[in-house]
Amino acid sequence: MSKPKIGVFGLTGCGGCQLEILNLEDQLLDFINAVDIVHFTEAISEHSDTYEIALIEGSVSTKHDLERLEHIAKVAKIIIAIGACSCTGGLNCLKNLYGTEKAKELVYGDKKDWIDAIDTQPIDAYVKVDYYARGCPPNRFEIIDIVKSLIVGKNPEIPNYPVCIECKRLGNTCVYEFGITCMGPVARAGCNARCPSAISGCEACRGSIDDPNINAQKDLLTQYGLTVEDIMEGFNLYNACKIIEQKTK
């Protein structure tokens, strides 16, 4: 694929994932020269429906989101989900814990009927996603690596191992030693252990690895006098959609 046409889109989200592309600093010009950005409302005024690759931020949280997503999927040949909201539903999924109608009432009061909100879902609940650049925010260089790999016809190398491995590579002291809970044993790496390196527990903003060693997490919690229930609230922060799905099976 040579100089593909790219569209960058935002559904329900904060816009920060799109800004990560603009924060590429010295790599930004190289990226712009390698692709043809035809739709990117946070950066350019032009709009086009002739893109081959769609980078989509945000979750599907309204009927309008769903309509836009379905249109994008009809046009794009490749869809890349960027950020936690797009990949797992992210923070927006927390409203599903209350139920959409109750959440609308709590937030909008007697104006709730003006809102076309639906249960929040990641975009792959509705369309096929080809690649994921996970995280809150996503690793900006991972987004570029995915696009670069597609240009040269390679499969992007996306981590599917736990954050604990990155901590060990960096020589970090496990945050459990400081009395901090962490999802590192089951959370997907790729962030260079950003939070544990700052002595803060991983909240799994990149989601869980495909085949997490649940027993290892339980053993670690037992070692520090904790239970799974003690940390599930933190895991809900970015992965409520998945938790709800598992509970209803």
C-alpha atoms as a PDB file:
ATOM      1  CA  MET A   1       0.000   0.000   0.000  1.00  0.00           C
ATOM      2  CA  SER A   2       1.654   3.265  -1.126  1.00  0.00           C
ATOM      3  CA  LYS A   3       0.637   6.620   0.389  1.00  0.00           C
ATOM      4  CA  PRO A   4      -2.797   5.465   1.591  1.00  0.00           C
ATOM      5  CA  LYS A   5      -5.655   7.882   2.117  1.00  0.00           C
ATOM      6  CA  ILE A   6      -6.424   8.129   5.822  1.00  0.00           C
ATOM      7  CA  GLY A   7      -9.410   9.422   7.749  1.00  0.00           C
ATOM      8  CA  VAL A   8      -9.210  10.143  11.475  1.00  0.00           C
ATOM      9  CA  PHE A   9     -12.544  10.133  13.301  1.00  0.00           C
ATOM     10  CA  GLY A  10     -13.867  10.663  16.821  1.00  0.00           C
ATOM     11  CA  LEU A  11     -16.983   9.136  18.351  1.00  0.00           C
ATOM     12  CA  THR A  12     -17.812   9.603  22.057  1.00  0.00           C
ATOM     13  CA  GLY A  13     -14.490  10.424  23.658  1.00  0.00           C
ATOM     14  CA  CYS A  14     -12.320  13.275  24.876  1.00  0.00           C
ATOM     15  CA  GLY A  15     -10.350  13.840  21.667  1.00  0.00           C
ATOM     16  CA  GLY A  16      -7.056  13.080  23.386  1.00  0.00           C
ATOM     17  CA  CYS A  17      -6.338   9.995  21.293  1.00  0.00           C
ATOM     18  CA  GLN A  18      -6.481  12.040  18.098  1.00  0.00           C
ATOM     19  CA  LEU A  19      -4.219  14.651  19.686  1.00  0.00           C
ATOM     20  CA  GLU A  20      -1.589  11.968  20.234  1.00  0.00           C
ATOM     21  CA  ILE A  21      -1.117  11.916  16.456  1.00  0.00           C
ATOM     22  CA  LEU A  22      -0.538  15.668  16.450  1.00  0.00           C
ATOM     23  CA  ASN A  23       1.903  15.238  19.356  1.00  0.00           C
ATOM     24  CA  LEU A  24       4.313  13.167  17.263  1.00  0.00           C
ATOM     25  CA  GLU A  25       6.724  16.105  17.285  1.00  0.00           C
ATOM     26  CA  ASP A  26       9.751  15.342  15.058  1.00  0.00           C
ATOM     27  CA  GLN A  27       8.010  12.325  13.485  1.00  0.00           C
ATOM     28  CA  LEU A  28       4.881  14.226  12.476  1.00  0.00           C
ATOM     29  CA  LEU A  29       6.243  15.528   9.175  1.00  0.00           C
ATOM     30  CA  ASP A  30       7.488  12.071   8.188  1.00  0.00           C
ATOM     31  CA  PHE A  31       4.050  10.642   8.905  1.00  0.00           C
ATOM     32  CA  ILE A  32       2.265  13.359   6.924  1.00  0.00           C
ATOM     33  CA  ASN A  33       4.605  12.766   3.978  1.00  0.00           C
ATOM     34  CA  ALA A  34       3.964   9.002   4.075  1.00  0.00           C
ATOM     35  CA  VAL A  35       0.164   9.200   3.996  1.00  0.00           C
ATOM     36  CA  ASP A  36      -2.584  11.343   2.540  1.00  0.00           C
ATOM     37  CA  ILE A  37      -4.780  12.573   5.394  1.00  0.00           C
ATOM     38  CA  VAL A  38      -8.132  13.411   3.812  1.00  0.00           C
ATOM     39  CA  HIS A  39     -10.328  13.688   6.929  1.00  0.00           C
ATOM     40  CA  PHE A  40      -9.170  14.838  10.364  1.00  0.00           C
ATOM     41  CA  THR A  41     -11.448  17.450  11.924  1.00  0.00           C
ATOM     42  CA  GLU A  42      -9.027  18.225  14.783  1.00  0.00           C
ATOM     43  CA  ALA A  43      -6.305  19.169  12.311  1.00  0.00           C
ATOM     44  CA  ILE A  44      -7.693  20.117   8.883  1.00  0.00           C
ATOM     45  CA  SER A  45     -10.843  21.728   7.528  1.00  0.00           C
ATOM     46  CA  GLU A  46     -11.166  19.456   4.473  1.00  0.00           C
ATOM     47  CA  HIS A  47     -13.545  16.499   4.558  1.00  0.00           C
ATOM     48  CA  SER A  48     -13.534  13.490   2.264  1.00  0.00           C
ATOM     49  CA  ASP A  49     -15.252  10.141   1.923  1.00  0.00           C
ATOM     50  CA  THR A  50     -12.441   8.574  -0.111  1.00  0.00           C
ATOM     51  CA  TYR A  51     -10.223   7.049   2.573  1.00  0.00           C
ATOM     52  CA  GLU A  52      -8.747   3.548   2.690  1.00  0.00           C
ATOM     53  CA  ILE A  53      -7.733   3.488   6.357  1.00  0.00           C
ATOM     54  CA  ALA A  54      -9.908   4.810   9.188  1.00  0.00           C
ATOM     55  CA  LEU A  55      -8.438   5.590  12.604  1.00  0.00           C
ATOM     56  CA  ILE A  56     -11.340   5.773  15.037  1.00  0.00           C
ATOM     57  CA  GLU A  57     -11.301   7.183  18.544  1.00  0.00           C
ATOM     58  CA  GLY A  58     -14.158   6.913  21.050  1.00  0.00           C
ATOM     59  CA  SER A  59     -16.870   4.455  21.933  1.00  0.00           C
ATOM     60  CA  VAL A  60     -20.319   3.926  20.472  1.00  0.00           C
ATOM     61  CA  SER A  61     -22.485   5.667  23.068  1.00  0.00           C
ATOM     62  CA  THR A  62     -25.254   7.283  20.990  1.00  0.00           C
ATOM     63  CA  LYS A  63     -27.376   6.388  17.990  1.00  0.00           C
ATOM     64  CA  HIS A  64     -25.491   9.064  16.047  1.00  0.00           C
ATOM     65  CA  ASP A  65     -22.175   7.356  16.913  1.00  0.00           C
ATOM     66  CA  LEU A  66     -23.500   4.101  15.501  1.00  0.00           C
ATOM     67  CA  GLU A  67     -24.713   5.726  12.287  1.00  0.00           C
ATOM     68  CA  ARG A  68     -21.320   7.398  11.754  1.00  0.00           C
ATOM     69  CA  LEU A  69     -19.420   4.189  12.508  1.00  0.00           C
ATOM     70  CA  GLU A  70     -21.491   2.157  10.067  1.00  0.00           C
ATOM     71  CA  HIS A  71     -20.872   4.772   7.349  1.00  0.00           C
ATOM     72  CA  ILE A  72     -17.111   4.804   8.022  1.00  0.00           C
ATOM     73  CA  ALA A  73     -16.997   1.006   7.875  1.00  0.00           C
ATOM     74  CA  LYS A  74     -18.676   1.020   4.459  1.00  0.00           C
ATOM     75  CA  VAL A  75     -15.969   3.322   3.076  1.00  0.00           C
ATOM     76  CA  ALA A  76     -12.756   2.152   4.776  1.00  0.00           C
ATOM     77  CA  LYS A  77     -10.864  -0.985   3.783  1.00  0.00           C
ATOM     78  CA  ILE A  78      -9.006  -1.092   7.101  1.00  0.00           C
ATOM     79  CA  ILE A  79     -10.233   0.059  10.508  1.00  0.00           C
ATOM     80  CA  ILE A  80      -7.840   0.848  13.345  1.00  0.00           C
ATOM     81  CA  ALA A  81      -9.315   1.436  16.806  1.00  0.00           C
ATOM     82  CA  ILE A  82      -7.270   3.985  18.763  1.00  0.00           C
ATOM     83  CA  GLY A  83      -7.560   4.431  22.508  1.00  0.00           C
ATOM     84  CA  ALA A  84      -9.334   2.666  25.338  1.00  0.00           C
ATOM     85  CA  CYS A  85     -12.828   3.951  24.512  1.00  0.00           C
ATOM     86  CA  SER A  86     -12.654   2.622  20.971  1.00  0.00           C
ATOM     87  CA  CYS A  87     -10.946  -0.656  21.914  1.00  0.00           C
ATOM     88  CA  THR A  88     -12.779  -1.683  25.106  1.00  0.00           C
ATOM     89  CA  GLY A  89     -15.494   0.947  25.642  1.00  0.00           C
ATOM     90  CA  GLY A  90     -13.279   2.750  28.134  1.00  0.00           C
ATOM     91  CA  LEU A  91     -14.556   5.164  30.748  1.00  0.00           C
ATOM     92  CA  ASN A  92     -17.832   5.609  28.915  1.00  0.00           C
ATOM     93  CA  CYS A  93     -18.807   2.036  29.766  1.00  0.00           C
ATOM     94  CA  LEU A  94     -19.121   2.961  33.432  1.00  0.00           C
ATOM     95  CA  LYS A  95     -22.605   4.271  32.716  1.00  0.00           C
ATOM     96  CA  ASN A  96     -23.658   0.745  31.730  1.00  0.00           C
ATOM     97  CA  LEU A  97     -23.168  -0.283  35.366  1.00  0.00           C
ATOM     98  CA  TYR A  98     -26.123   1.965  36.255  1.00  0.00           C
ATOM     99  CA  GLY A  99     -28.112   1.263  33.111  1.00  0.00           C
ATOM    100  CA  THR A 100     -28.352   3.845  30.337  1.00  0.00           C
ATOM    101  CA  GLU A 101     -31.753   5.209  31.354  1.00  0.00           C
ATOM    102  CA  LYS A 102     -30.703   5.671  34.988  1.00  0.00           C
ATOM    103  CA  ALA A 103     -27.446   7.298  33.899  1.00  0.00           C
ATOM    104  CA  LYS A 104     -29.329   9.732  31.646  1.00  0.00           C
ATOM    105  CA  GLU A 105     -31.611  10.640  34.524  1.00  0.00           C
ATOM    106  CA  LEU A 106     -28.686  11.202  36.909  1.00  0.00           C
ATOM    107  CA  VAL A 107     -26.768  13.396  34.455  1.00  0.00           C
ATOM    108  CA  TYR A 108     -29.475  15.230  32.509  1.00  0.00           C
ATOM    109  CA  GLY A 109     -32.466  15.156  34.853  1.00  0.00           C
ATOM    110  CA  ASP A 110     -35.689  16.246  33.150  1.00  0.00           C
ATOM    111  CA  LYS A 111     -33.761  16.808  29.890  1.00  0.00           C
ATOM    112  CA  LYS A 112     -32.862  13.125  29.600  1.00  0.00           C
ATOM    113  CA  ASP A 113     -35.267  12.460  26.735  1.00  0.00           C
ATOM    114  CA  TRP A 114     -33.301  14.886  24.571  1.00  0.00           C
ATOM    115  CA  ILE A 115     -30.315  12.540  24.628  1.00  0.00           C
ATOM    116  CA  ASP A 116     -30.042   9.668  22.118  1.00  0.00           C
ATOM    117  CA  ALA A 117     -27.724   7.648  24.380  1.00  0.00           C
ATOM    118  CA  ILE A 118     -27.544   3.868  24.067  1.00  0.00           C
ATOM    119  CA  ASP A 119     -25.555   1.290  26.035  1.00  0.00           C
ATOM    120  CA  THR A 120     -21.879   2.035  25.423  1.00  0.00           C
ATOM    121  CA  GLN A 121     -19.846  -0.487  23.420  1.00  0.00           C
ATOM    122  CA  PRO A 122     -16.382  -0.631  21.835  1.00  0.00           C
ATOM    123  CA  ILE A 123     -16.491  -0.238  18.062  1.00  0.00           C
ATOM    124  CA  ASP A 124     -15.811  -3.931  17.395  1.00  0.00           C
ATOM    125  CA  ALA A 125     -19.242  -4.698  18.837  1.00  0.00           C
ATOM    126  CA  TYR A 126     -20.619  -3.365  15.552  1.00  0.00           C
ATOM    127  CA  VAL A 127     -17.901  -3.481  12.892  1.00  0.00           C
ATOM    128  CA  LYS A 128     -14.803  -5.520  12.130  1.00  0.00           C
ATOM    129  CA  VAL A 129     -11.679  -3.933  13.576  1.00  0.00           C
ATOM    130  CA  ASP A 130      -8.414  -4.865  11.901  1.00  0.00           C
ATOM    131  CA  TYR A 131      -5.917  -3.409  14.378  1.00  0.00           C
ATOM    132  CA  TYR A 132      -5.930  -1.903  17.869  1.00  0.00           C
ATOM    133  CA  ALA A 133      -3.784   0.891  19.292  1.00  0.00           C
ATOM    134  CA  ARG A 134      -4.807   0.580  22.914  1.00  0.00           C
ATOM    135  CA  GLY A 135      -4.419   2.738  25.995  1.00  0.00           C
ATOM    136  CA  CYS A 136      -5.607   5.972  27.596  1.00  0.00           C
ATOM    137  CA  PRO A 137      -4.090   7.683  25.790  1.00  0.00           C
ATOM    138  CA  PRO A 138      -2.708   5.226  23.250  1.00  0.00           C
ATOM    139  CA  ASN A 139       1.008   5.059  22.566  1.00  0.00           C
ATOM    140  CA  ARG A 140       1.362   7.575  19.710  1.00  0.00           C
ATOM    141  CA  PHE A 141       4.289   5.644  18.260  1.00  0.00           C
ATOM    142  CA  GLU A 142       2.260   2.436  18.200  1.00  0.00           C
ATOM    143  CA  ILE A 143      -0.358   4.186  16.045  1.00  0.00           C
ATOM    144  CA  ILE A 144       2.352   5.203  13.590  1.00  0.00           C
ATOM    145  CA  ASP A 145       4.006   1.777  13.656  1.00  0.00           C
ATOM    146  CA  ILE A 146       0.699   0.148  12.701  1.00  0.00           C
ATOM    147  CA  VAL A 147       0.220   2.503   9.751  1.00  0.00           C
ATOM    148  CA  LYS A 148       3.860   2.163   8.655  1.00  0.00           C
ATOM    149  CA  SER A 149       3.593  -1.636   8.751  1.00  0.00           C
ATOM    150  CA  LEU A 150       0.507  -1.523   6.543  1.00  0.00           C
ATOM    151  CA  ILE A 151       2.295   0.702   4.031  1.00  0.00           C
ATOM    152  CA  VAL A 152       5.177  -1.779   3.641  1.00  0.00           C
ATOM    153  CA  GLY A 153       2.915  -4.842   3.752  1.00  0.00           C
ATOM    154  CA  LYS A 154       3.913  -6.166   7.182  1.00  0.00           C
ATOM    155  CA  ASN A 155       1.784  -7.305  10.095  1.00  0.00           C
ATOM    156  CA  PRO A 156       2.186  -4.817  12.959  1.00  0.00           C
ATOM    157  CA  GLU A 157       3.878  -6.225  16.046  1.00  0.00           C
ATOM    158  CA  ILE A 158       1.459  -5.488  18.886  1.00  0.00           C
ATOM    159  CA  PRO A 159       2.326  -6.674  22.436  1.00  0.00           C
ATOM    160  CA  ASN A 160       0.218  -9.468  23.889  1.00  0.00           C
ATOM    161  CA  TYR A 161       2.056 -10.055  27.143  1.00  0.00           C
ATOM    162  CA  PRO A 162       1.531  -8.588  30.622  1.00  0.00           C
ATOM    163  CA  VAL A 163       2.759  -5.229  31.879  1.00  0.00           C
ATOM    164  CA  CYS A 164       4.787  -7.088  34.531  1.00  0.00           C
ATOM    165  CA  ILE A 165       7.264  -8.076  31.813  1.00  0.00           C
ATOM    166  CA  GLU A 166       7.873  -4.414  30.979  1.00  0.00           C
ATOM    167  CA  CYS A 167       8.345  -3.619  34.668  1.00  0.00           C
ATOM    168  CA  LYS A 168      10.952  -6.364  34.966  1.00  0.00           C
ATOM    169  CA  ARG A 169      12.794  -5.115  31.888  1.00  0.00           C
ATOM    170  CA  LEU A 170      12.918  -1.634  33.426  1.00  0.00           C
ATOM    171  CA  GLY A 171      14.056  -2.942  36.814  1.00  0.00           C
ATOM    172  CA  ASN A 172      11.014  -1.501  38.587  1.00  0.00           C
ATOM    173  CA  THR A 173      10.197  -2.486  42.143  1.00  0.00           C
ATOM    174  CA  CYS A 174       6.735  -4.081  42.114  1.00  0.00           C
ATOM    175  CA  VAL A 175       4.220  -1.490  43.299  1.00  0.00           C
ATOM    176  CA  TYR A 176       2.610  -4.135  45.512  1.00  0.00           C
ATOM    177  CA  GLU A 177       5.694  -3.666  47.714  1.00  0.00           C
ATOM    178  CA  PHE A 178       4.438  -0.110  48.315  1.00  0.00           C
ATOM    179  CA  GLY A 179       0.927  -1.275  49.214  1.00  0.00           C
ATOM    180  CA  ILE A 180      -0.465  -0.326  45.771  1.00  0.00           C
ATOM    181  CA  THR A 181      -2.744  -2.690  43.857  1.00  0.00           C
ATOM    182  CA  CYS A 182      -1.960  -3.239  40.185  1.00  0.00           C
ATOM    183  CA  MET A 183      -3.458  -5.101  37.227  1.00  0.00           C
ATOM    184  CA  GLY A 184      -0.008  -5.631  35.702  1.00  0.00           C
ATOM    185  CA  PRO A 185      -0.085  -9.460  35.802  1.00  0.00           C
ATOM    186  CA  VAL A 186      -3.122  -9.613  33.478  1.00  0.00           C
ATOM    187  CA  ALA A 187      -3.052  -6.220  31.710  1.00  0.00           C
ATOM    188  CA  ARG A 188      -1.738  -5.868  28.148  1.00  0.00           C
ATOM    189  CA  ALA A 189       1.701  -4.282  27.816  1.00  0.00           C
ATOM    190  CA  GLY A 190       2.781  -1.735  25.227  1.00  0.00           C
ATOM    191  CA  CYS A 191       2.852   1.384  27.393  1.00  0.00           C
ATOM    192  CA  ASN A 192       6.389   0.786  28.712  1.00  0.00           C
ATOM    193  CA  ALA A 193       4.888   0.302  32.178  1.00  0.00           C
ATOM    194  CA  ARG A 194       3.998   4.006  32.269  1.00  0.00           C
ATOM    195  CA  CYS A 195       1.977   3.955  35.504  1.00  0.00           C
ATOM    196  CA  PRO A 196       3.995   1.463  37.602  1.00  0.00           C
ATOM    197  CA  SER A 197       7.157   3.376  36.642  1.00  0.00           C
ATOM    198  CA  ALA A 198       5.549   6.407  38.314  1.00  0.00           C
ATOM    199  CA  ILE A 199       4.734   4.295  41.412  1.00  0.00           C
ATOM    200  CA  SER A 200       1.063   4.026  40.464  1.00  0.00           C
ATOM    201  CA  GLY A 201      -0.853   0.807  39.891  1.00  0.00           C
ATOM    202  CA  CYS A 202      -1.739  -0.271  36.356  1.00  0.00           C
ATOM    203  CA  GLU A 203      -5.487   0.094  35.729  1.00  0.00           C
ATOM    204  CA  ALA A 204      -5.446  -1.979  32.520  1.00  0.00           C
ATOM    205  CA  CYS A 205      -6.294   0.888  30.181  1.00  0.00           C
ATOM    206  CA  ARG A 206      -4.939  -1.294  27.361  1.00  0.00           C
ATOM    207  CA  GLY A 207      -7.294  -4.116  28.340  1.00  0.00           C
ATOM    208  CA  SER A 208      -6.298  -7.620  29.340  1.00  0.00           C
ATOM    209  CA  ILE A 209      -3.988  -9.924  27.430  1.00  0.00           C
ATOM    210  CA  ASP A 210      -5.726 -12.552  25.313  1.00  0.00           C
ATOM    211  CA  ASP A 211      -4.930 -15.440  27.661  1.00  0.00           C
ATOM    212  CA  PRO A 212      -4.326 -13.927  31.113  1.00  0.00           C
ATOM    213  CA  ASN A 213      -2.880 -16.079  33.873  1.00  0.00           C
ATOM    214  CA  ILE A 214      -5.679 -15.488  36.355  1.00  0.00           C
ATOM    215  CA  ASN A 215      -4.101 -17.852  38.875  1.00  0.00           C
ATOM    216  CA  ALA A 216      -0.905 -15.780  38.877  1.00  0.00           C
ATOM    217  CA  GLN A 217      -2.930 -12.668  39.694  1.00  0.00           C
ATOM    218  CA  LYS A 218      -4.791 -14.500  42.459  1.00  0.00           C
ATOM    219  CA  ASP A 219      -1.524 -15.835  43.911  1.00  0.00           C
ATOM    220  CA  LEU A 220      -0.050 -12.339  43.929  1.00  0.00           C
ATOM    221  CA  LEU A 221      -3.117 -10.913  45.645  1.00  0.00           C
ATOM    222  CA  THR A 222      -3.079 -13.687  48.241  1.00  0.00           C
ATOM    223  CA  GLN A 223       0.588 -12.931  48.931  1.00  0.00           C
ATOM    224  CA  TYR A 224      -0.368  -9.358  49.810  1.00  0.00           C
ATOM    225  CA  GLY A 225      -3.582 -10.224  51.687  1.00  0.00           C
ATOM    226  CA  LEU A 226      -5.935  -9.071  48.900  1.00  0.00           C
ATOM    227  CA  THR A 227      -8.774 -10.659  46.952  1.00  0.00           C
ATOM    228  CA  VAL A 228      -9.933 -10.293  43.364  1.00  0.00           C
ATOM    229  CA  GLU A 229     -12.903  -8.263  44.614  1.00  0.00           C
ATOM    230  CA  ASP A 230     -10.495  -5.756  46.176  1.00  0.00           C
ATOM    231  CA  ILE A 231      -9.219  -4.653  42.773  1.00  0.00           C
ATOM    232  CA  MET A 232     -12.203  -5.232  40.466  1.00  0.00           C
ATOM    233  CA  GLU A 233     -13.472  -1.681  40.938  1.00  0.00           C
ATOM    234  CA  GLY A 234     -10.233  -0.372  39.475  1.00  0.00           C
ATOM    235  CA  PHE A 235     -10.424  -2.819  36.583  1.00  0.00           C
ATOM    236  CA  ASN A 236     -13.940  -1.532  35.833  1.00  0.00           C
ATOM    237  CA  LEU A 237     -12.552   1.908  35.082  1.00  0.00           C
ATOM    238  CA  TYR A 238     -11.551   0.949  31.542  1.00  0.00           C
ATOM    239  CA  ASN A 239     -13.083  -2.488  31.138  1.00  0.00           C
ATOM    240  CA  ALA A 240     -16.631  -2.267  32.487  1.00  0.00           C
ATOM    241  CA  CYS A 241     -18.100  -3.471  29.173  1.00  0.00           C
ATOM    242  CA  LYS A 242     -16.097  -6.689  29.383  1.00  0.00           C
ATOM    243  CA  ILE A 243     -16.942  -7.234  33.059  1.00  0.00           C
ATOM    244  CA  ILE A 244     -20.670  -6.770  32.390  1.00  0.00           C
ATOM    245  CA  GLU A 245     -20.487  -9.118  29.403  1.00  0.00           C
ATOM    246  CA  GLN A 246     -18.827 -11.828  31.490  1.00  0.00           C
ATOM    247  CA  LYS A 247     -21.387 -11.485  34.281  1.00  0.00           C
ATOM    248  CA  THR A 248     -24.294 -11.919  31.870  1.00  0.00           C
ATOM    249  CA  LYS A 249     -22.953 -15.069  30.192  1.00  0.00           C
END
